[in-house]
């Protein structure tokens, strides 16, 4: 009997952390009908940052230089364009914000699942 109780307790302890991790991951993504059905990105979840705004800010000049180097590298720009095409709804969200897709330098995912897009 003692062995059965020990095995049951051990299995509960093993399963409990996995269940809480899965629950925590679900809690970080907002439950909207758009993200649940298609996984696409809405314009509200896209933050566009221009290279010129970074260059104007002394504290972000290093980031501006890094992005400027990326913008001048054709191979890197090709990879970014491929990534842009692979994100469902991102191109449409950027078009709604009047962003020319060929000017996209880098795409980052923010903590809330939204996108930060750096443009020339």
PDB file of N, CA and C in Angstrom:
ATOM      1  N   UNK A   1       0.829  -1.192   0.000  1.00  0.00           N
ATOM      2  CA  UNK A   1       0.000   0.000   0.000  1.00  0.00           C
ATOM      3  C   UNK A   1       0.874   1.257   0.000  1.00  0.00           C
ATOM      4  N   UNK A   2       1.927   1.227   0.801  1.00  0.00           N
ATOM      5  CA  UNK A   2       2.808   2.381   0.902  1.00  0.00           C
ATOM      6  C   UNK A   2       3.484   2.665  -0.443  1.00  0.00           C
ATOM      7  N   UNK A   3       3.841   1.605  -1.174  1.00  0.00           N
ATOM      8  CA  UNK A   3       4.450   1.763  -2.483  1.00  0.00           C
ATOM      9  C   UNK A   3       3.482   2.407  -3.473  1.00  0.00           C
ATOM     10  N   UNK A   4       2.236   2.022  -3.435  1.00  0.00           N
ATOM     11  CA  UNK A   4       1.222   2.571  -4.333  1.00  0.00           C
ATOM     12  C   UNK A   4       1.027   4.058  -4.082  1.00  0.00           C
ATOM     13  N   UNK A   5       0.951   4.433  -2.815  1.00  0.00           N
ATOM     14  CA  UNK A   5       0.790   5.838  -2.456  1.00  0.00           C
ATOM     15  C   UNK A   5       2.016   6.640  -2.896  1.00  0.00           C
ATOM     16  N   UNK A   6       3.199   6.083  -2.719  1.00  0.00           N
ATOM     17  CA  UNK A   6       4.429   6.761  -3.113  1.00  0.00           C
ATOM     18  C   UNK A   6       4.469   6.975  -4.623  1.00  0.00           C
ATOM     19  N   UNK A   7       4.093   5.966  -5.386  1.00  0.00           N
ATOM     20  CA  UNK A   7       4.084   6.078  -6.849  1.00  0.00           C
ATOM     21  C   UNK A   7       3.040   7.107  -7.290  1.00  0.00           C
ATOM     22  N   UNK A   8       1.869   7.104  -6.680  1.00  0.00           N
ATOM     23  CA  UNK A   8       0.822   8.067  -7.025  1.00  0.00           C
ATOM     24  C   UNK A   8       1.268   9.492  -6.721  1.00  0.00           C
ATOM     25  N   UNK A   9       1.890   9.679  -5.572  1.00  0.00           N
ATOM     26  CA  UNK A   9       2.392  11.007  -5.203  1.00  0.00           C
ATOM     27  C   UNK A   9       3.487  11.465  -6.156  1.00  0.00           C
ATOM     28  N   UNK A  10       4.395  10.578  -6.494  1.00  0.00           N
ATOM     29  CA  UNK A  10       5.487  10.922  -7.398  1.00  0.00           C
ATOM     30  C   UNK A  10       4.947  11.320  -8.770  1.00  0.00           C
ATOM     31  N   UNK A  11       3.946  10.604  -9.263  1.00  0.00           N
ATOM     32  CA  UNK A  11       3.381  10.943 -10.577  1.00  0.00           C
ATOM     33  C   UNK A  11       2.670  12.289 -10.537  1.00  0.00           C
ATOM     34  N   UNK A  12       2.035  12.626  -9.439  1.00  0.00           N
ATOM     35  CA  UNK A  12       1.403  13.943  -9.299  1.00  0.00           C
ATOM     36  C   UNK A  12       2.445  15.056  -9.284  1.00  0.00           C
ATOM     37  N   UNK A  13       3.536  14.824  -8.583  1.00  0.00           N
ATOM     38  CA  UNK A  13       4.591  15.836  -8.530  1.00  0.00           C
ATOM     39  C   UNK A  13       5.258  16.034  -9.878  1.00  0.00           C
ATOM     40  N   UNK A  14       5.378  14.978 -10.649  1.00  0.00           N
ATOM     41  CA  UNK A  14       5.980  15.086 -11.975  1.00  0.00           C
ATOM     42  C   UNK A  14       5.037  15.812 -12.935  1.00  0.00           C
ATOM     43  N   UNK A  15       3.762  15.544 -12.889  1.00  0.00           N
ATOM     44  CA  UNK A  15       2.796  16.118 -13.821  1.00  0.00           C
ATOM     45  C   UNK A  15       2.428  17.554 -13.472  1.00  0.00           C
ATOM     46  N   UNK A  16       2.452  17.940 -12.227  1.00  0.00           N
ATOM     47  CA  UNK A  16       1.998  19.269 -11.808  1.00  0.00           C
ATOM     48  C   UNK A  16       2.815  20.404 -12.425  1.00  0.00           C
ATOM     49  N   UNK A  17       4.149  20.368 -12.415  1.00  0.00           N
ATOM     50  CA  UNK A  17       4.886  21.484 -13.024  1.00  0.00           C
ATOM     51  C   UNK A  17       4.640  21.615 -14.517  1.00  0.00           C
ATOM     52  N   UNK A  18       4.508  20.510 -15.230  1.00  0.00           N
ATOM     53  CA  UNK A  18       4.266  20.570 -16.669  1.00  0.00           C
ATOM     54  C   UNK A  18       2.929  21.231 -16.965  1.00  0.00           C
ATOM     55  N   UNK A  19       1.927  20.942 -16.178  1.00  0.00           N
ATOM     56  CA  UNK A  19       0.616  21.546 -16.382  1.00  0.00           C
ATOM     57  C   UNK A  19       0.654  23.040 -16.105  1.00  0.00           C
ATOM     58  N   UNK A  20       1.363  23.459 -15.098  1.00  0.00           N
ATOM     59  CA  UNK A  20       1.419  24.885 -14.785  1.00  0.00           C
ATOM     60  C   UNK A  20       2.216  25.646 -15.826  1.00  0.00           C
ATOM     61  N   UNK A  21       3.236  25.040 -16.412  1.00  0.00           N
ATOM     62  CA  UNK A  21       4.004  25.696 -17.461  1.00  0.00           C
ATOM     63  C   UNK A  21       3.133  25.888 -18.687  1.00  0.00           C
ATOM     64  N   UNK A  22       2.390  24.884 -19.069  1.00  0.00           N
ATOM     65  CA  UNK A  22       1.509  24.997 -20.219  1.00  0.00           C
ATOM     66  C   UNK A  22       0.462  26.080 -19.982  1.00  0.00           C
ATOM     67  N   UNK A  23      -0.054  26.152 -18.799  1.00  0.00           N
ATOM     68  CA  UNK A  23      -1.042  27.182 -18.481  1.00  0.00           C
ATOM     69  C   UNK A  23      -0.419  28.561 -18.559  1.00  0.00           C
ATOM     70  N   UNK A  24       0.804  28.717 -18.061  1.00  0.00           N
ATOM     71  CA  UNK A  24       1.479  30.010 -18.085  1.00  0.00           C
ATOM     72  C   UNK A  24       1.745  30.450 -19.515  1.00  0.00           C
ATOM     73  N   UNK A  25       2.093  29.540 -20.392  1.00  0.00           N
ATOM     74  CA  UNK A  25       2.328  29.897 -21.775  1.00  0.00           C
ATOM     75  C   UNK A  25       1.047  30.363 -22.443  1.00  0.00           C
ATOM     76  N   UNK A  26      -0.063  29.741 -22.141  1.00  0.00           N
ATOM     77  CA  UNK A  26      -1.338  30.154 -22.708  1.00  0.00           C
ATOM     78  C   UNK A  26      -1.734  31.534 -22.211  1.00  0.00           C
ATOM     79  N   UNK A  27      -1.373  31.866 -20.982  1.00  0.00           N
ATOM     80  CA  UNK A  27      -1.785  33.127 -20.393  1.00  0.00           C
ATOM     81  C   UNK A  27      -1.065  34.321 -20.995  1.00  0.00           C
ATOM     82  N   UNK A  28       0.088  34.114 -21.623  1.00  0.00           N
ATOM     83  CA  UNK A  28       0.841  35.248 -22.160  1.00  0.00           C
ATOM     84  C   UNK A  28       0.277  35.753 -23.477  1.00  0.00           C
ATOM     85  N   UNK A  29      -0.437  34.943 -24.212  1.00  0.00           N
ATOM     86  CA  UNK A  29      -0.966  35.350 -25.504  1.00  0.00           C
ATOM     87  C   UNK A  29      -2.402  35.823 -25.335  1.00  0.00           C
ATOM     88  N   UNK A  30      -2.729  37.041 -25.756  1.00  0.00           N
ATOM     89  CA  UNK A  30      -4.100  37.512 -25.622  1.00  0.00           C
ATOM     90  C   UNK A  30      -5.037  36.659 -26.463  1.00  0.00           C
ATOM     91  N   UNK A  31      -6.198  36.373 -25.911  1.00  0.00           N
ATOM     92  CA  UNK A  31      -7.168  35.530 -26.593  1.00  0.00           C
ATOM     93  C   UNK A  31      -8.085  36.396 -27.444  1.00  0.00           C
ATOM     94  N   UNK A  32      -7.721  36.583 -28.700  1.00  0.00           N
ATOM     95  CA  UNK A  32      -8.566  37.320 -29.616  1.00  0.00           C
ATOM     96  C   UNK A  32      -9.034  36.370 -30.693  1.00  0.00           C
ATOM     97  N   UNK A  33     -10.125  36.690 -31.306  1.00  0.00           N
ATOM     98  CA  UNK A  33     -10.634  35.802 -32.341  1.00  0.00           C
ATOM     99  C   UNK A  33      -9.672  35.722 -33.516  1.00  0.00           C
ATOM    100  N   UNK A  34      -8.965  36.818 -33.808  1.00  0.00           N
ATOM    101  CA  UNK A  34      -8.035  36.833 -34.929  1.00  0.00           C
ATOM    102  C   UNK A  34      -6.852  35.910 -34.681  1.00  0.00           C
ATOM    103  N   UNK A  35      -6.238  36.003 -33.508  1.00  0.00           N
ATOM    104  CA  UNK A  35      -5.065  35.174 -33.236  1.00  0.00           C
ATOM    105  C   UNK A  35      -5.432  33.719 -33.016  1.00  0.00           C
ATOM    106  N   UNK A  36      -6.646  33.464 -32.560  1.00  0.00           N
ATOM    107  CA  UNK A  36      -7.053  32.080 -32.320  1.00  0.00           C
ATOM    108  C   UNK A  36      -7.358  31.364 -33.627  1.00  0.00           C
ATOM    109  N   UNK A  37      -7.985  32.039 -34.578  1.00  0.00           N
ATOM    110  CA  UNK A  37      -8.415  31.338 -35.775  1.00  0.00           C
ATOM    111  C   UNK A  37      -7.340  31.283 -36.850  1.00  0.00           C
ATOM    112  N   UNK A  38      -6.607  32.383 -37.065  1.00  0.00           N
ATOM    113  CA  UNK A  38      -5.674  32.404 -38.188  1.00  0.00           C
ATOM    114  C   UNK A  38      -4.227  32.573 -37.771  1.00  0.00           C
ATOM    115  N   UNK A  39      -3.967  33.099 -36.588  1.00  0.00           N
ATOM    116  CA  UNK A  39      -2.607  33.345 -36.172  1.00  0.00           C
ATOM    117  C   UNK A  39      -2.011  34.570 -36.843  1.00  0.00           C
ATOM    118  N   UNK A  40      -2.831  35.348 -37.551  1.00  0.00           N
ATOM    119  CA  UNK A  40      -2.300  36.509 -38.253  1.00  0.00           C
ATOM    120  C   UNK A  40      -2.113  37.685 -37.296  1.00  0.00           C
ATOM    121  N   UNK A  41      -1.436  38.684 -37.785  1.00  0.00           N
ATOM    122  CA  UNK A  41      -1.072  39.838 -36.975  1.00  0.00           C
ATOM    123  C   UNK A  41      -1.922  41.022 -37.401  1.00  0.00           C
ATOM    124  N   UNK A  42      -2.490  41.717 -36.434  1.00  0.00           N
ATOM    125  CA  UNK A  42      -3.256  42.913 -36.762  1.00  0.00           C
ATOM    126  C   UNK A  42      -2.351  44.131 -36.693  1.00  0.00           C
ATOM    127  N   UNK A  43      -2.782  45.218 -37.310  1.00  0.00           N
ATOM    128  CA  UNK A  43      -1.993  46.454 -37.335  1.00  0.00           C
ATOM    129  C   UNK A  43      -1.759  46.993 -35.926  1.00  0.00           C
ATOM    130  N   UNK A  44      -2.673  46.714 -35.008  1.00  0.00           N
ATOM    131  CA  UNK A  44      -2.518  47.169 -33.627  1.00  0.00           C
ATOM    132  C   UNK A  44      -1.339  46.504 -32.924  1.00  0.00           C
ATOM    133  N   UNK A  45      -0.949  45.324 -33.393  1.00  0.00           N
ATOM    134  CA  UNK A  45       0.144  44.573 -32.776  1.00  0.00           C
ATOM    135  C   UNK A  45       1.486  44.815 -33.452  1.00  0.00           C
ATOM    136  N   UNK A  46       1.547  45.804 -34.354  1.00  0.00           N
ATOM    137  CA  UNK A  46       2.780  46.086 -35.085  1.00  0.00           C
ATOM    138  C   UNK A  46       3.241  47.499 -34.744  1.00  0.00           C
ATOM    139  N   UNK A  47       4.465  47.597 -34.265  1.00  0.00           N
ATOM    140  CA  UNK A  47       5.070  48.885 -33.947  1.00  0.00           C
ATOM    141  C   UNK A  47       6.170  49.153 -34.978  1.00  0.00           C
ATOM    142  N   UNK A  48       6.053  50.247 -35.709  1.00  0.00           N
ATOM    143  CA  UNK A  48       7.015  50.590 -36.747  1.00  0.00           C
ATOM    144  C   UNK A  48       7.989  51.628 -36.192  1.00  0.00           C
ATOM    145  N   UNK A  49       9.301  51.342 -36.319  1.00  0.00           N
ATOM    146  CA  UNK A  49      10.354  52.255 -35.858  1.00  0.00           C
ATOM    147  C   UNK A  49      11.199  52.618 -37.068  1.00  0.00           C
ATOM    148  N   UNK A  50      11.330  53.918 -37.322  1.00  0.00           N
ATOM    149  CA  UNK A  50      12.135  54.362 -38.459  1.00  0.00           C
ATOM    150  C   UNK A  50      13.597  54.526 -38.054  1.00  0.00           C
ATOM    151  N   UNK A  51      14.472  54.253 -38.997  1.00  0.00           N
ATOM    152  CA  UNK A  51      15.906  54.385 -38.768  1.00  0.00           C
ATOM    153  C   UNK A  51      16.261  55.832 -38.418  1.00  0.00           C
ATOM    154  N   UNK A  52      15.605  56.774 -39.052  1.00  0.00           N
ATOM    155  CA  UNK A  52      15.902  58.190 -38.787  1.00  0.00           C
ATOM    156  C   UNK A  52      15.566  58.590 -37.352  1.00  0.00           C
ATOM    157  N   UNK A  53      14.523  57.976 -36.769  1.00  0.00           N
ATOM    158  CA  UNK A  53      14.185  58.301 -35.376  1.00  0.00           C
ATOM    159  C   UNK A  53      15.255  57.784 -34.421  1.00  0.00           C
ATOM    160  N   UNK A  54      15.881  56.663 -34.757  1.00  0.00           N
ATOM    161  CA  UNK A  54      16.965  56.131 -33.928  1.00  0.00           C
ATOM    162  C   UNK A  54      18.229  56.969 -34.076  1.00  0.00           C
ATOM    163  N   UNK A  55      18.492  57.443 -35.293  1.00  0.00           N
ATOM    164  CA  UNK A  55      19.678  58.261 -35.534  1.00  0.00           C
ATOM    165  C   UNK A  55      19.589  59.596 -34.805  1.00  0.00           C
ATOM    166  N   UNK A  56      18.371  60.094 -34.621  1.00  0.00           N
ATOM    167  CA  UNK A  56      18.176  61.380 -33.954  1.00  0.00           C
ATOM    168  C   UNK A  56      18.345  61.284 -32.441  1.00  0.00           C
ATOM    169  N   UNK A  57      18.263  60.088 -31.896  1.00  0.00           N
ATOM    170  CA  UNK A  57      18.365  59.873 -30.449  1.00  0.00           C
ATOM    171  C   UNK A  57      19.780  59.394 -30.117  1.00  0.00           C
ATOM    172  N   UNK A  58      20.523  60.224 -29.360  1.00  0.00           N
ATOM    173  CA  UNK A  58      21.917  59.883 -29.029  1.00  0.00           C
ATOM    174  C   UNK A  58      22.044  58.545 -28.303  1.00  0.00           C
ATOM    175  N   UNK A  59      21.071  58.206 -27.464  1.00  0.00           N
ATOM    176  CA  UNK A  59      21.160  56.965 -26.699  1.00  0.00           C
ATOM    177  C   UNK A  59      20.923  55.723 -27.567  1.00  0.00           C
ATOM    178  N   UNK A  60      20.391  55.917 -28.773  1.00  0.00           N
ATOM    179  CA  UNK A  60      20.103  54.780 -29.651  1.00  0.00           C
ATOM    180  C   UNK A  60      20.955  54.800 -30.916  1.00  0.00           C
ATOM    181  N   UNK A  61      22.002  55.586 -30.897  1.00  0.00           N
ATOM    182  CA  UNK A  61      22.842  55.721 -32.085  1.00  0.00           C
ATOM    183  C   UNK A  61      23.517  54.392 -32.456  1.00  0.00           C
ATOM    184  N   UNK A  62      23.929  53.611 -31.468  1.00  0.00           N
ATOM    185  CA  UNK A  62      24.545  52.305 -31.748  1.00  0.00           C
ATOM    186  C   UNK A  62      23.581  51.367 -32.455  1.00  0.00           C
ATOM    187  N   UNK A  63      22.343  51.368 -32.026  1.00  0.00           N
ATOM    188  CA  UNK A  63      21.305  50.548 -32.673  1.00  0.00           C
ATOM    189  C   UNK A  63      21.085  51.036 -34.104  1.00  0.00           C
ATOM    190  N   UNK A  64      21.098  52.343 -34.294  1.00  0.00           N
ATOM    191  CA  UNK A  64      20.920  52.916 -35.630  1.00  0.00           C
ATOM    192  C   UNK A  64      22.062  52.493 -36.555  1.00  0.00           C
ATOM    193  N   UNK A  65      23.267  52.485 -36.054  1.00  0.00           N
ATOM    194  CA  UNK A  65      24.418  52.074 -36.869  1.00  0.00           C
ATOM    195  C   UNK A  65      24.323  50.599 -37.245  1.00  0.00           C
ATOM    196  N   UNK A  66      23.916  49.766 -36.287  1.00  0.00           N
ATOM    197  CA  UNK A  66      23.762  48.326 -36.557  1.00  0.00           C
ATOM    198  C   UNK A  66      22.713  48.093 -37.642  1.00  0.00           C
ATOM    199  N   UNK A  67      21.589  48.786 -37.534  1.00  0.00           N
ATOM    200  CA  UNK A  67      20.525  48.623 -38.521  1.00  0.00           C
ATOM    201  C   UNK A  67      20.916  49.199 -39.877  1.00  0.00           C
ATOM    202  N   UNK A  68      21.690  50.272 -39.855  1.00  0.00           N
ATOM    203  CA  UNK A  68      22.154  50.869 -41.110  1.00  0.00           C
ATOM    204  C   UNK A  68      23.062  49.896 -41.865  1.00  0.00           C
ATOM    205  N   UNK A  69      23.924  49.190 -41.140  1.00  0.00           N
ATOM    206  CA  UNK A  69      24.773  48.180 -41.770  1.00  0.00           C
ATOM    207  C   UNK A  69      23.932  47.063 -42.381  1.00  0.00           C
ATOM    208  N   UNK A  70      22.883  46.650 -41.679  1.00  0.00           N
ATOM    209  CA  UNK A  70      21.995  45.615 -42.201  1.00  0.00           C
ATOM    210  C   UNK A  70      21.287  46.095 -43.464  1.00  0.00           C
ATOM    211  N   UNK A  71      20.877  47.371 -43.453  1.00  0.00           N
ATOM    212  CA  UNK A  71      20.150  47.925 -44.596  1.00  0.00           C
ATOM    213  C   UNK A  71      21.016  47.986 -45.845  1.00  0.00           C
ATOM    214  N   UNK A  72      22.320  48.065 -45.675  1.00  0.00           N
ATOM    215  CA  UNK A  72      23.237  48.144 -46.815  1.00  0.00           C
ATOM    216  C   UNK A  72      23.784  46.792 -47.257  1.00  0.00           C
ATOM    217  N   UNK A  73      23.320  45.714 -46.636  1.00  0.00           N
ATOM    218  CA  UNK A  73      23.767  44.365 -46.983  1.00  0.00           C
ATOM    219  C   UNK A  73      22.645  43.648 -47.749  1.00  0.00           C
ATOM    220  N   UNK A  74      22.812  43.444 -49.060  1.00  0.00           N
ATOM    221  CA  UNK A  74      21.743  42.831 -49.867  1.00  0.00           C
ATOM    222  C   UNK A  74      21.322  41.441 -49.381  1.00  0.00           C
ATOM    223  N   UNK A  75      22.264  40.632 -48.916  1.00  0.00           N
ATOM    224  CA  UNK A  75      21.917  39.280 -48.455  1.00  0.00           C
ATOM    225  C   UNK A  75      21.030  39.344 -47.217  1.00  0.00           C
ATOM    226  N   UNK A  76      21.347  40.249 -46.306  1.00  0.00           N
ATOM    227  CA  UNK A  76      20.538  40.407 -45.095  1.00  0.00           C
ATOM    228  C   UNK A  76      19.149  40.918 -45.443  1.00  0.00           C
ATOM    229  N   UNK A  77      19.080  41.868 -46.358  1.00  0.00           N
ATOM    230  CA  UNK A  77      17.785  42.423 -46.762  1.00  0.00           C
ATOM    231  C   UNK A  77      16.922  41.349 -47.436  1.00  0.00           C
ATOM    232  N   UNK A  78      17.558  40.455 -48.170  1.00  0.00           N
ATOM    233  CA  UNK A  78      16.821  39.367 -48.812  1.00  0.00           C
ATOM    234  C   UNK A  78      16.214  38.429 -47.761  1.00  0.00           C
ATOM    235  N   UNK A  79      16.982  38.145 -46.710  1.00  0.00           N
ATOM    236  CA  UNK A  79      16.486  37.293 -45.624  1.00  0.00           C
ATOM    237  C   UNK A  79      15.303  37.946 -44.908  1.00  0.00           C
ATOM    238  N   UNK A  80      15.397  39.250 -44.686  1.00  0.00           N
ATOM    239  CA  UNK A  80      14.314  39.967 -44.008  1.00  0.00           C
ATOM    240  C   UNK A  80      13.053  39.947 -44.867  1.00  0.00           C
ATOM    241  N   UNK A  81      13.221  40.111 -46.170  1.00  0.00           N
ATOM    242  CA  UNK A  81      12.056  40.070 -47.061  1.00  0.00           C
ATOM    243  C   UNK A  81      11.404  38.688 -47.050  1.00  0.00           C
ATOM    244  N   UNK A  82      12.213  37.642 -46.990  1.00  0.00           N
ATOM    245  CA  UNK A  82      11.670  36.281 -46.907  1.00  0.00           C
ATOM    246  C   UNK A  82      10.929  36.084 -45.581  1.00  0.00           C
ATOM    247  N   UNK A  83      11.501  36.609 -44.501  1.00  0.00           N
ATOM    248  CA  UNK A  83      10.842  36.518 -43.193  1.00  0.00           C
ATOM    249  C   UNK A  83       9.521  37.278 -43.206  1.00  0.00           C
ATOM    250  N   UNK A  84       9.520  38.429 -43.840  1.00  0.00           N
ATOM    251  CA  UNK A  84       8.309  39.245 -43.939  1.00  0.00           C
ATOM    252  C   UNK A  84       7.208  38.493 -44.675  1.00  0.00           C
ATOM    253  N   UNK A  85       7.560  37.819 -45.738  1.00  0.00           N
ATOM    254  CA  UNK A  85       6.573  37.058 -46.500  1.00  0.00           C
ATOM    255  C   UNK A  85       6.086  35.823 -45.736  1.00  0.00           C
ATOM    256  N   UNK A  86       6.897  35.339 -44.799  1.00  0.00           N
ATOM    257  CA  UNK A  86       6.522  34.161 -44.025  1.00  0.00           C
ATOM    258  C   UNK A  86       5.626  34.449 -42.834  1.00  0.00           C
ATOM    259  N   UNK A  87       5.413  35.705 -42.513  1.00  0.00           N
ATOM    260  CA  UNK A  87       4.566  36.082 -41.371  1.00  0.00           C
ATOM    261  C   UNK A  87       3.157  36.376 -41.858  1.00  0.00           C
ATOM    262  N   UNK A  88       2.187  35.551 -41.506  1.00  0.00           N
ATOM    263  CA  UNK A  88       0.820  35.781 -41.975  1.00  0.00           C
ATOM    264  C   UNK A  88       0.258  37.108 -41.452  1.00  0.00           C
ATOM    265  N   UNK A  89      -0.191  37.927 -42.364  1.00  0.00           N
ATOM    266  CA  UNK A  89      -0.845  39.180 -41.993  1.00  0.00           C
ATOM    267  C   UNK A  89       0.094  40.345 -41.746  1.00  0.00           C
ATOM    268  N   UNK A  90       1.395  40.102 -41.623  1.00  0.00           N
ATOM    269  CA  UNK A  90       2.316  41.200 -41.318  1.00  0.00           C
ATOM    270  C   UNK A  90       2.420  42.171 -42.488  1.00  0.00           C
ATOM    271  N   UNK A  91       2.495  41.665 -43.704  1.00  0.00           N
ATOM    272  CA  UNK A  91       2.587  42.542 -44.875  1.00  0.00           C
ATOM    273  C   UNK A  91       1.355  43.438 -44.967  1.00  0.00           C
ATOM    274  N   UNK A  92       0.187  42.873 -44.702  1.00  0.00           N
ATOM    275  CA  UNK A  92      -1.049  43.663 -44.754  1.00  0.00           C
ATOM    276  C   UNK A  92      -1.082  44.710 -43.644  1.00  0.00           C
ATOM    277  N   UNK A  93      -0.610  44.333 -42.460  1.00  0.00           N
ATOM    278  CA  UNK A  93      -0.578  45.273 -41.340  1.00  0.00           C
ATOM    279  C   UNK A  93       0.364  46.429 -41.642  1.00  0.00           C
ATOM    280  N   UNK A  94       1.512  46.136 -42.264  1.00  0.00           N
ATOM    281  CA  UNK A  94       2.458  47.186 -42.620  1.00  0.00           C
ATOM    282  C   UNK A  94       1.907  48.077 -43.733  1.00  0.00           C
ATOM    283  N   UNK A  95       1.236  47.470 -44.701  1.00  0.00           N
ATOM    284  CA  UNK A  95       0.636  48.256 -45.779  1.00  0.00           C
ATOM    285  C   UNK A  95      -0.418  49.211 -45.228  1.00  0.00           C
ATOM    286  N   UNK A  96      -1.166  48.775 -44.223  1.00  0.00           N
ATOM    287  CA  UNK A  96      -2.182  49.648 -43.619  1.00  0.00           C
ATOM    288  C   UNK A  96      -1.548  50.811 -42.864  1.00  0.00           C
ATOM    289  N   UNK A  97      -0.273  50.684 -42.535  1.00  0.00           N
ATOM    290  CA  UNK A  97       0.470  51.760 -41.859  1.00  0.00           C
ATOM    291  C   UNK A  97       1.334  52.532 -42.851  1.00  0.00           C
ATOM    292  N   UNK A  98       1.090  52.337 -44.141  1.00  0.00           N
ATOM    293  CA  UNK A  98       1.809  53.019 -45.223  1.00  0.00           C
ATOM    294  C   UNK A  98       3.313  52.748 -45.209  1.00  0.00           C
ATOM    295  N   UNK A  99       3.696  51.531 -44.872  1.00  0.00           N
ATOM    296  CA  UNK A  99       5.099  51.130 -44.890  1.00  0.00           C
ATOM    297  C   UNK A  99       5.376  50.420 -46.207  1.00  0.00           C
ATOM    298  N   UNK A 100       6.413  50.877 -46.917  1.00  0.00           N
ATOM    299  CA  UNK A 100       6.822  50.200 -48.135  1.00  0.00           C
ATOM    300  C   UNK A 100       7.644  48.977 -47.728  1.00  0.00           C
ATOM    301  N   UNK A 101       7.194  47.817 -48.146  1.00  0.00           N
ATOM    302  CA  UNK A 101       7.777  46.556 -47.683  1.00  0.00           C
ATOM    303  C   UNK A 101       9.261  46.427 -48.008  1.00  0.00           C
ATOM    304  N   UNK A 102       9.727  47.012 -49.111  1.00  0.00           N
ATOM    305  CA  UNK A 102      11.146  46.913 -49.457  1.00  0.00           C
ATOM    306  C   UNK A 102      12.023  47.725 -48.512  1.00  0.00           C
ATOM    307  N   UNK A 103      11.429  48.559 -47.663  1.00  0.00           N
ATOM    308  CA  UNK A 103      12.190  49.364 -46.702  1.00  0.00           C
ATOM    309  C   UNK A 103      12.346  48.702 -45.336  1.00  0.00           C
ATOM    310  N   UNK A 104      11.781  47.511 -45.158  1.00  0.00           N
ATOM    311  CA  UNK A 104      11.878  46.810 -43.881  1.00  0.00           C
ATOM    312  C   UNK A 104      13.303  46.305 -43.692  1.00  0.00           C
ATOM    313  N   UNK A 105      13.904  46.670 -42.546  1.00  0.00           N
ATOM    314  CA  UNK A 105      15.289  46.287 -42.245  1.00  0.00           C
ATOM    315  C   UNK A 105      15.343  45.087 -41.307  1.00  0.00           C
ATOM    316  N   UNK A 106      14.472  45.098 -40.298  1.00  0.00           N
ATOM    317  CA  UNK A 106      14.506  44.034 -39.291  1.00  0.00           C
ATOM    318  C   UNK A 106      13.122  43.864 -38.692  1.00  0.00           C
ATOM    319  N   UNK A 107      12.811  42.620 -38.319  1.00  0.00           N
ATOM    320  CA  UNK A 107      11.545  42.298 -37.665  1.00  0.00           C
ATOM    321  C   UNK A 107      11.874  41.589 -36.355  1.00  0.00           C
ATOM    322  N   UNK A 108      11.328  42.116 -35.255  1.00  0.00           N
ATOM    323  CA  UNK A 108      11.519  41.481 -33.947  1.00  0.00           C
ATOM    324  C   UNK A 108      10.152  41.177 -33.352  1.00  0.00           C
ATOM    325  N   UNK A 109      10.097  40.136 -32.536  1.00  0.00           N
ATOM    326  CA  UNK A 109       8.872  39.799 -31.824  1.00  0.00           C
ATOM    327  C   UNK A 109       8.972  40.334 -30.414  1.00  0.00           C
ATOM    328  N   UNK A 110       7.970  41.106 -30.013  1.00  0.00           N
ATOM    329  CA  UNK A 110       7.975  41.678 -28.665  1.00  0.00           C
ATOM    330  C   UNK A 110       7.447  40.658 -27.664  1.00  0.00           C
ATOM    331  N   UNK A 111       7.550  40.976 -26.400  1.00  0.00           N
ATOM    332  CA  UNK A 111       7.142  40.061 -25.335  1.00  0.00           C
ATOM    333  C   UNK A 111       5.681  39.685 -25.370  1.00  0.00           C
ATOM    334  N   UNK A 112       4.827  40.561 -25.884  1.00  0.00           N
ATOM    335  CA  UNK A 112       3.390  40.271 -25.923  1.00  0.00           C
ATOM    336  C   UNK A 112       2.962  39.583 -27.214  1.00  0.00           C
ATOM    337  N   UNK A 113       3.928  39.209 -28.067  1.00  0.00           N
ATOM    338  CA  UNK A 113       3.604  38.515 -29.298  1.00  0.00           C
ATOM    339  C   UNK A 113       3.452  39.442 -30.489  1.00  0.00           C
ATOM    340  N   UNK A 114       3.478  40.750 -30.260  1.00  0.00           N
ATOM    341  CA  UNK A 114       3.407  41.711 -31.338  1.00  0.00           C
ATOM    342  C   UNK A 114       4.736  41.788 -32.075  1.00  0.00           C
ATOM    343  N   UNK A 115       4.787  42.615 -33.085  1.00  0.00           N
ATOM    344  CA  UNK A 115       5.996  42.762 -33.891  1.00  0.00           C
ATOM    345  C   UNK A 115       6.516  44.190 -33.818  1.00  0.00           C
ATOM    346  N   UNK A 116       7.836  44.304 -33.771  1.00  0.00           N
ATOM    347  CA  UNK A 116       8.524  45.583 -33.892  1.00  0.00           C
ATOM    348  C   UNK A 116       9.254  45.520 -35.222  1.00  0.00           C
ATOM    349  N   UNK A 117       8.914  46.455 -36.123  1.00  0.00           N
ATOM    350  CA  UNK A 117       9.475  46.445 -37.459  1.00  0.00           C
ATOM    351  C   UNK A 117      10.298  47.715 -37.651  1.00  0.00           C
ATOM    352  N   UNK A 118      11.564  47.533 -38.003  1.00  0.00           N
ATOM    353  CA  UNK A 118      12.469  48.656 -38.246  1.00  0.00           C
ATOM    354  C   UNK A 118      12.524  48.904 -39.751  1.00  0.00           C
ATOM    355  N   UNK A 119      12.355  50.175 -40.151  1.00  0.00           N
ATOM    356  CA  UNK A 119      12.330  50.522 -41.576  1.00  0.00           C
ATOM    357  C   UNK A 119      13.297  51.661 -41.864  1.00  0.00           C
ATOM    358  N   UNK A 120      13.730  51.730 -43.158  1.00  0.00           N
ATOM    359  CA  UNK A 120      14.603  52.833 -43.616  1.00  0.00           C
ATOM    360  C   UNK A 120      13.817  54.117 -43.612  1.00  0.00           C
TER     361      UNK A 120
END
